[in-house]
Amino acid sequence: MTDVDPAIKVQVDTEYLEEQSTPADDKYVFSYTITIINLGDRAAKLETRHWLITDANGHTSEVQGAGVVGETPTIPPNTAYQYTSGTVLETPVGFMEGRYGMVWEDGKTFSAEIPAFRLAIPGILH
C-alpha cells in the first residue's frame, strides 16, 4: 500500500437525479462531482480509482479501474481537476468512499483519500 499524501485534497458535491430514478423499482440514481486539488509543488497524475459504495441495506460494491471518466489526468501544482460521474443505489440513502492511485512527476506513487460522503434523496434525512 502506498502512502497517503496530504498535498492532494478531494472535495465532493452530490445530486439526486430524480428524473432518472424509479423508486418503485428500487433504483435511485445519483451524480457526484469530484474536485481534486493539488496543493503540492509538483504535478501529480491520477492513474487508478478504488471505490466502496454502500447502500442503506449494508450491501457494498467495489469499483476499481484505470483513471476516471476515461481519463488519467495530470494535475499541475496549485490547480484542480474536476469531473462528474454517477452511481445507482437500491436504497434512497448510501455512502461512497475510496482512494485514487496517483504518481508525482518524479515517479513516487501515493494515494489520495476520497473521504466518505453521503448519497441521499432530498428531505429523507433530518
N, C-alpha and C. Protein backbone atom coordinates (compact mmCIF):
# COMPACT_ATOMS: atom_id res chain seq x y z
N MET A 1 0.85 -1.18 0.00
CA MET A 1 0.00 0.00 0.00
C MET A 1 0.89 1.24 0.00
N THR A 2 0.49 2.24 -0.75
CA THR A 2 1.28 3.46 -0.83
C THR A 2 0.82 4.45 0.23
N ASP A 3 1.69 5.39 0.51
CA ASP A 3 1.37 6.42 1.49
C ASP A 3 0.29 7.36 0.97
N VAL A 4 -0.43 7.96 1.90
CA VAL A 4 -1.39 9.00 1.56
C VAL A 4 -0.65 10.32 1.62
N ASP A 5 -0.81 11.15 0.61
CA ASP A 5 -0.13 12.44 0.59
C ASP A 5 -1.14 13.56 0.84
N PRO A 6 -0.92 14.36 1.90
CA PRO A 6 -1.88 15.41 2.23
C PRO A 6 -1.88 16.58 1.26
N ALA A 7 -0.97 16.59 0.29
CA ALA A 7 -0.94 17.68 -0.70
C ALA A 7 -2.09 17.59 -1.69
N ILE A 8 -2.76 16.44 -1.74
CA ILE A 8 -3.90 16.27 -2.63
C ILE A 8 -5.17 16.26 -1.79
N LYS A 9 -6.08 17.18 -2.08
CA LYS A 9 -7.36 17.27 -1.37
C LYS A 9 -8.48 16.89 -2.34
N VAL A 10 -9.46 16.17 -1.82
CA VAL A 10 -10.60 15.75 -2.64
C VAL A 10 -11.89 16.32 -2.03
N GLN A 11 -12.65 17.04 -2.85
CA GLN A 11 -13.94 17.58 -2.43
C GLN A 11 -15.03 16.95 -3.28
N VAL A 12 -16.22 16.77 -2.69
CA VAL A 12 -17.32 16.09 -3.38
C VAL A 12 -18.62 16.87 -3.22
N ASP A 13 -19.36 17.00 -4.32
CA ASP A 13 -20.73 17.50 -4.30
C ASP A 13 -21.60 16.42 -4.94
N THR A 14 -22.77 16.17 -4.35
CA THR A 14 -23.65 15.13 -4.87
C THR A 14 -25.01 15.71 -5.27
N GLU A 15 -25.70 14.96 -6.13
CA GLU A 15 -27.03 15.36 -6.56
C GLU A 15 -27.86 14.12 -6.82
N TYR A 16 -29.11 14.12 -6.36
CA TYR A 16 -30.06 13.06 -6.65
C TYR A 16 -30.69 13.36 -8.00
N LEU A 17 -30.69 12.38 -8.89
CA LEU A 17 -31.25 12.56 -10.24
C LEU A 17 -32.63 11.91 -10.30
N GLU A 18 -33.61 12.68 -9.84
CA GLU A 18 -34.98 12.17 -9.73
C GLU A 18 -35.53 11.70 -11.06
N GLU A 19 -35.22 12.43 -12.14
CA GLU A 19 -35.78 12.09 -13.46
C GLU A 19 -35.24 10.77 -14.01
N GLN A 20 -34.09 10.31 -13.48
CA GLN A 20 -33.53 9.03 -13.93
C GLN A 20 -33.81 7.89 -12.95
N SER A 21 -34.41 8.22 -11.82
CA SER A 21 -34.65 7.23 -10.76
C SER A 21 -36.06 6.67 -10.86
N THR A 22 -36.21 5.41 -10.42
CA THR A 22 -37.53 4.78 -10.33
C THR A 22 -37.62 4.08 -8.98
N PRO A 23 -38.03 4.83 -7.94
CA PRO A 23 -38.10 4.26 -6.59
C PRO A 23 -38.94 2.98 -6.50
N ALA A 24 -39.99 2.87 -7.32
CA ALA A 24 -40.82 1.66 -7.30
C ALA A 24 -40.02 0.42 -7.67
N ASP A 25 -38.93 0.62 -8.42
CA ASP A 25 -38.05 -0.49 -8.81
C ASP A 25 -36.75 -0.50 -7.99
N ASP A 26 -36.74 0.24 -6.88
CA ASP A 26 -35.53 0.34 -6.05
C ASP A 26 -34.32 0.81 -6.85
N LYS A 27 -34.53 1.83 -7.64
CA LYS A 27 -33.45 2.40 -8.46
C LYS A 27 -33.35 3.90 -8.16
N TYR A 28 -32.27 4.26 -7.48
CA TYR A 28 -32.02 5.65 -7.08
C TYR A 28 -30.70 6.08 -7.72
N VAL A 29 -30.78 7.08 -8.61
CA VAL A 29 -29.61 7.50 -9.38
C VAL A 29 -29.05 8.80 -8.79
N PHE A 30 -27.75 8.81 -8.59
CA PHE A 30 -27.06 9.97 -8.03
C PHE A 30 -25.88 10.33 -8.93
N SER A 31 -25.62 11.64 -9.00
CA SER A 31 -24.38 12.08 -9.63
C SER A 31 -23.50 12.64 -8.53
N TYR A 32 -22.21 12.61 -8.77
CA TYR A 32 -21.26 13.22 -7.85
C TYR A 32 -20.19 13.94 -8.66
N THR A 33 -19.87 15.13 -8.20
CA THR A 33 -18.83 15.93 -8.84
C THR A 33 -17.64 15.97 -7.90
N ILE A 34 -16.52 15.51 -8.41
CA ILE A 34 -15.29 15.42 -7.63
C ILE A 34 -14.35 16.54 -8.07
N THR A 35 -13.79 17.22 -7.09
CA THR A 35 -12.74 18.20 -7.36
C THR A 35 -11.49 17.73 -6.64
N ILE A 36 -10.42 17.51 -7.41
CA ILE A 36 -9.14 17.05 -6.87
C ILE A 36 -8.19 18.24 -6.94
N ILE A 37 -7.74 18.68 -5.78
CA ILE A 37 -6.91 19.88 -5.68
C ILE A 37 -5.48 19.49 -5.35
N ASN A 38 -4.55 19.94 -6.18
CA ASN A 38 -3.13 19.67 -5.95
C ASN A 38 -2.52 20.87 -5.24
N LEU A 39 -2.29 20.73 -3.93
CA LEU A 39 -1.69 21.79 -3.13
C LEU A 39 -0.17 21.67 -3.10
N GLY A 40 0.35 20.69 -3.81
CA GLY A 40 1.80 20.44 -3.82
C GLY A 40 2.55 21.36 -4.75
N ASP A 41 3.86 21.11 -4.84
CA ASP A 41 4.72 21.97 -5.67
C ASP A 41 5.18 21.26 -6.94
N ARG A 42 4.52 20.14 -7.27
CA ARG A 42 4.84 19.41 -8.49
C ARG A 42 3.57 18.77 -9.04
N ALA A 43 3.61 18.39 -10.30
CA ALA A 43 2.44 17.78 -10.94
C ALA A 43 2.20 16.38 -10.41
N ALA A 44 0.93 15.99 -10.36
CA ALA A 44 0.53 14.66 -9.93
C ALA A 44 -0.42 14.07 -10.97
N LYS A 45 -0.21 12.81 -11.31
CA LYS A 45 -1.07 12.13 -12.28
C LYS A 45 -1.95 11.11 -11.57
N LEU A 46 -3.25 11.17 -11.87
CA LEU A 46 -4.20 10.21 -11.35
C LEU A 46 -4.18 8.98 -12.26
N GLU A 47 -3.84 7.82 -11.70
CA GLU A 47 -3.74 6.62 -12.52
C GLU A 47 -4.86 5.61 -12.30
N THR A 48 -5.32 5.47 -11.04
CA THR A 48 -6.34 4.46 -10.75
C THR A 48 -7.37 5.01 -9.76
N ARG A 49 -8.51 4.32 -9.70
CA ARG A 49 -9.54 4.64 -8.72
C ARG A 49 -9.97 3.36 -8.02
N HIS A 50 -10.39 3.51 -6.77
CA HIS A 50 -10.90 2.38 -5.99
C HIS A 50 -12.03 2.92 -5.12
N TRP A 51 -13.25 2.49 -5.41
CA TRP A 51 -14.44 2.95 -4.70
C TRP A 51 -15.07 1.83 -3.90
N LEU A 52 -15.63 2.18 -2.74
CA LEU A 52 -16.53 1.32 -2.00
C LEU A 52 -17.86 2.06 -1.92
N ILE A 53 -18.91 1.43 -2.42
CA ILE A 53 -20.24 2.04 -2.48
C ILE A 53 -21.17 1.18 -1.63
N THR A 54 -21.75 1.79 -0.59
CA THR A 54 -22.57 1.04 0.36
C THR A 54 -23.97 1.64 0.41
N ASP A 55 -25.00 0.77 0.26
CA ASP A 55 -26.37 1.27 0.35
C ASP A 55 -26.89 1.09 1.78
N ALA A 56 -28.13 1.54 2.02
CA ALA A 56 -28.70 1.51 3.36
C ALA A 56 -28.98 0.09 3.86
N ASN A 57 -28.97 -0.89 2.97
CA ASN A 57 -29.13 -2.28 3.37
C ASN A 57 -27.81 -2.93 3.77
N GLY A 58 -26.72 -2.16 3.67
CA GLY A 58 -25.41 -2.69 4.01
C GLY A 58 -24.73 -3.41 2.86
N HIS A 59 -25.33 -3.38 1.68
CA HIS A 59 -24.72 -4.02 0.52
C HIS A 59 -23.61 -3.12 -0.01
N THR A 60 -22.41 -3.65 -0.13
CA THR A 60 -21.27 -2.87 -0.60
C THR A 60 -20.78 -3.39 -1.93
N SER A 61 -20.59 -2.48 -2.89
CA SER A 61 -19.95 -2.85 -4.15
C SER A 61 -18.61 -2.15 -4.23
N GLU A 62 -17.70 -2.81 -4.89
CA GLU A 62 -16.35 -2.31 -5.04
C GLU A 62 -16.10 -2.04 -6.52
N VAL A 63 -15.55 -0.87 -6.82
CA VAL A 63 -15.25 -0.49 -8.20
C VAL A 63 -13.78 -0.10 -8.26
N GLN A 64 -13.05 -0.74 -9.16
CA GLN A 64 -11.64 -0.42 -9.36
C GLN A 64 -11.38 -0.28 -10.85
N GLY A 65 -10.44 0.58 -11.20
CA GLY A 65 -10.12 0.71 -12.60
C GLY A 65 -9.10 1.80 -12.84
N ALA A 66 -8.78 1.94 -14.11
CA ALA A 66 -7.82 2.97 -14.53
C ALA A 66 -8.52 4.31 -14.63
N GLY A 67 -7.88 5.34 -14.12
CA GLY A 67 -8.35 6.70 -14.29
C GLY A 67 -9.76 6.96 -13.83
N VAL A 68 -10.31 8.08 -14.33
CA VAL A 68 -11.68 8.48 -14.04
C VAL A 68 -12.30 9.01 -15.33
N VAL A 69 -13.54 8.68 -15.55
CA VAL A 69 -14.29 9.08 -16.75
C VAL A 69 -13.45 8.99 -18.03
N GLY A 70 -12.71 7.90 -18.16
CA GLY A 70 -11.91 7.66 -19.35
C GLY A 70 -10.62 8.47 -19.44
N GLU A 71 -10.24 9.14 -18.38
CA GLU A 71 -9.03 9.96 -18.39
C GLU A 71 -8.08 9.57 -17.26
N THR A 72 -6.81 9.84 -17.47
CA THR A 72 -5.80 9.75 -16.41
C THR A 72 -5.13 11.11 -16.35
N PRO A 73 -5.81 12.08 -15.71
CA PRO A 73 -5.35 13.46 -15.78
C PRO A 73 -4.07 13.72 -14.98
N THR A 74 -3.27 14.65 -15.49
CA THR A 74 -2.14 15.19 -14.74
C THR A 74 -2.59 16.54 -14.21
N ILE A 75 -2.44 16.71 -12.90
CA ILE A 75 -2.90 17.93 -12.24
C ILE A 75 -1.68 18.76 -11.84
N PRO A 76 -1.46 19.89 -12.50
CA PRO A 76 -0.31 20.74 -12.18
C PRO A 76 -0.39 21.27 -10.75
N PRO A 77 0.74 21.74 -10.20
CA PRO A 77 0.73 22.30 -8.85
C PRO A 77 -0.24 23.48 -8.73
N ASN A 78 -0.89 23.56 -7.58
CA ASN A 78 -1.81 24.66 -7.27
C ASN A 78 -2.94 24.82 -8.27
N THR A 79 -3.40 23.69 -8.81
CA THR A 79 -4.57 23.70 -9.69
C THR A 79 -5.49 22.55 -9.26
N ALA A 80 -6.62 22.48 -9.91
CA ALA A 80 -7.60 21.43 -9.59
C ALA A 80 -8.10 20.78 -10.86
N TYR A 81 -8.55 19.55 -10.71
CA TYR A 81 -9.18 18.80 -11.79
C TYR A 81 -10.57 18.42 -11.29
N GLN A 82 -11.57 18.57 -12.14
CA GLN A 82 -12.94 18.27 -11.73
C GLN A 82 -13.61 17.38 -12.77
N TYR A 83 -14.40 16.43 -12.28
CA TYR A 83 -15.19 15.58 -13.17
C TYR A 83 -16.49 15.20 -12.47
N THR A 84 -17.46 14.77 -13.26
CA THR A 84 -18.75 14.32 -12.74
C THR A 84 -19.01 12.91 -13.23
N SER A 85 -19.47 12.07 -12.32
CA SER A 85 -19.82 10.70 -12.65
C SER A 85 -21.10 10.36 -11.88
N GLY A 86 -21.47 9.10 -11.85
CA GLY A 86 -22.70 8.73 -11.17
C GLY A 86 -22.72 7.30 -10.70
N THR A 87 -23.73 7.00 -9.91
CA THR A 87 -23.92 5.64 -9.42
C THR A 87 -25.41 5.40 -9.18
N VAL A 88 -25.79 4.14 -9.14
CA VAL A 88 -27.17 3.75 -8.89
C VAL A 88 -27.21 2.92 -7.61
N LEU A 89 -28.11 3.29 -6.70
CA LEU A 89 -28.31 2.53 -5.46
C LEU A 89 -29.68 1.88 -5.47
N GLU A 90 -29.83 0.84 -4.65
CA GLU A 90 -31.14 0.20 -4.48
C GLU A 90 -31.91 0.80 -3.30
N THR A 91 -31.30 1.74 -2.59
CA THR A 91 -31.93 2.40 -1.46
C THR A 91 -31.81 3.91 -1.65
N PRO A 92 -32.66 4.70 -0.96
CA PRO A 92 -32.61 6.15 -1.14
C PRO A 92 -31.45 6.84 -0.43
N VAL A 93 -30.68 6.07 0.33
CA VAL A 93 -29.53 6.61 1.05
C VAL A 93 -28.37 5.64 0.90
N GLY A 94 -27.18 6.18 0.79
CA GLY A 94 -25.98 5.34 0.73
C GLY A 94 -24.74 6.20 0.97
N PHE A 95 -23.61 5.54 0.91
CA PHE A 95 -22.33 6.21 1.11
C PHE A 95 -21.32 5.73 0.09
N MET A 96 -20.39 6.59 -0.24
CA MET A 96 -19.26 6.22 -1.09
C MET A 96 -17.98 6.71 -0.42
N GLU A 97 -16.91 5.98 -0.64
CA GLU A 97 -15.58 6.39 -0.19
C GLU A 97 -14.57 5.65 -1.03
N GLY A 98 -13.32 6.09 -0.96
CA GLY A 98 -12.31 5.39 -1.74
C GLY A 98 -10.98 6.08 -1.74
N ARG A 99 -10.24 5.79 -2.82
CA ARG A 99 -8.92 6.41 -2.96
C ARG A 99 -8.52 6.40 -4.42
N TYR A 100 -7.67 7.35 -4.75
CA TYR A 100 -7.07 7.40 -6.08
C TYR A 100 -5.62 6.97 -5.95
N GLY A 101 -5.17 6.15 -6.89
CA GLY A 101 -3.75 5.82 -7.01
C GLY A 101 -3.11 6.88 -7.89
N MET A 102 -2.09 7.54 -7.34
CA MET A 102 -1.50 8.67 -8.05
C MET A 102 0.01 8.55 -8.06
N VAL A 103 0.63 9.36 -8.92
CA VAL A 103 2.09 9.38 -9.01
C VAL A 103 2.55 10.82 -9.21
N TRP A 104 3.55 11.22 -8.43
CA TRP A 104 4.16 12.53 -8.61
C TRP A 104 5.02 12.50 -9.87
N GLU A 105 5.33 13.67 -10.41
CA GLU A 105 6.11 13.72 -11.64
C GLU A 105 7.50 13.11 -11.48
N ASP A 106 7.98 12.97 -10.22
CA ASP A 106 9.29 12.33 -10.01
C ASP A 106 9.19 10.81 -9.92
N GLY A 107 7.95 10.27 -10.09
CA GLY A 107 7.76 8.83 -10.11
C GLY A 107 7.32 8.22 -8.79
N LYS A 108 7.29 8.99 -7.72
CA LYS A 108 6.86 8.47 -6.42
C LYS A 108 5.35 8.27 -6.42
N THR A 109 4.91 7.06 -6.09
CA THR A 109 3.48 6.76 -6.05
C THR A 109 2.92 7.06 -4.67
N PHE A 110 1.63 7.38 -4.65
CA PHE A 110 0.95 7.66 -3.39
C PHE A 110 -0.55 7.51 -3.61
N SER A 111 -1.30 7.58 -2.52
CA SER A 111 -2.76 7.53 -2.59
C SER A 111 -3.34 8.87 -2.19
N ALA A 112 -4.46 9.20 -2.78
CA ALA A 112 -5.26 10.35 -2.36
C ALA A 112 -6.58 9.79 -1.83
N GLU A 113 -6.85 10.05 -0.57
CA GLU A 113 -8.07 9.55 0.06
C GLU A 113 -9.29 10.31 -0.44
N ILE A 114 -10.36 9.58 -0.70
CA ILE A 114 -11.65 10.18 -1.00
C ILE A 114 -12.49 9.98 0.26
N PRO A 115 -12.72 11.04 1.02
CA PRO A 115 -13.45 10.88 2.28
C PRO A 115 -14.87 10.38 2.02
N ALA A 116 -15.42 9.62 2.98
CA ALA A 116 -16.78 9.11 2.83
C ALA A 116 -17.75 10.26 2.66
N PHE A 117 -18.69 10.09 1.73
CA PHE A 117 -19.73 11.09 1.53
C PHE A 117 -21.06 10.39 1.34
N ARG A 118 -22.13 11.10 1.71
CA ARG A 118 -23.47 10.54 1.70
C ARG A 118 -24.17 10.83 0.38
N LEU A 119 -24.92 9.85 -0.08
CA LEU A 119 -25.84 10.00 -1.21
C LEU A 119 -27.23 9.83 -0.59
N ALA A 120 -28.10 10.83 -0.77
CA ALA A 120 -29.44 10.74 -0.17
C ALA A 120 -30.43 11.57 -0.97
N ILE A 121 -31.64 11.04 -1.12
CA ILE A 121 -32.65 11.85 -1.78
C ILE A 121 -33.00 13.02 -0.86
N PRO A 122 -33.32 14.18 -1.43
CA PRO A 122 -33.59 15.36 -0.61
C PRO A 122 -34.73 15.12 0.39
N GLY A 123 -34.54 15.59 1.62
CA GLY A 123 -35.58 15.53 2.62
C GLY A 123 -35.70 14.23 3.37
N ILE A 124 -34.92 13.21 2.99
CA ILE A 124 -35.07 11.91 3.66
C ILE A 124 -34.37 11.88 5.01
N LEU A 125 -33.33 12.70 5.16
CA LEU A 125 -32.61 12.76 6.43
C LEU A 125 -32.81 14.14 7.04
N HIS A 126 -32.89 14.18 8.34
CA HIS A 126 -33.12 15.47 9.02
C HIS A 126 -31.82 16.10 9.43
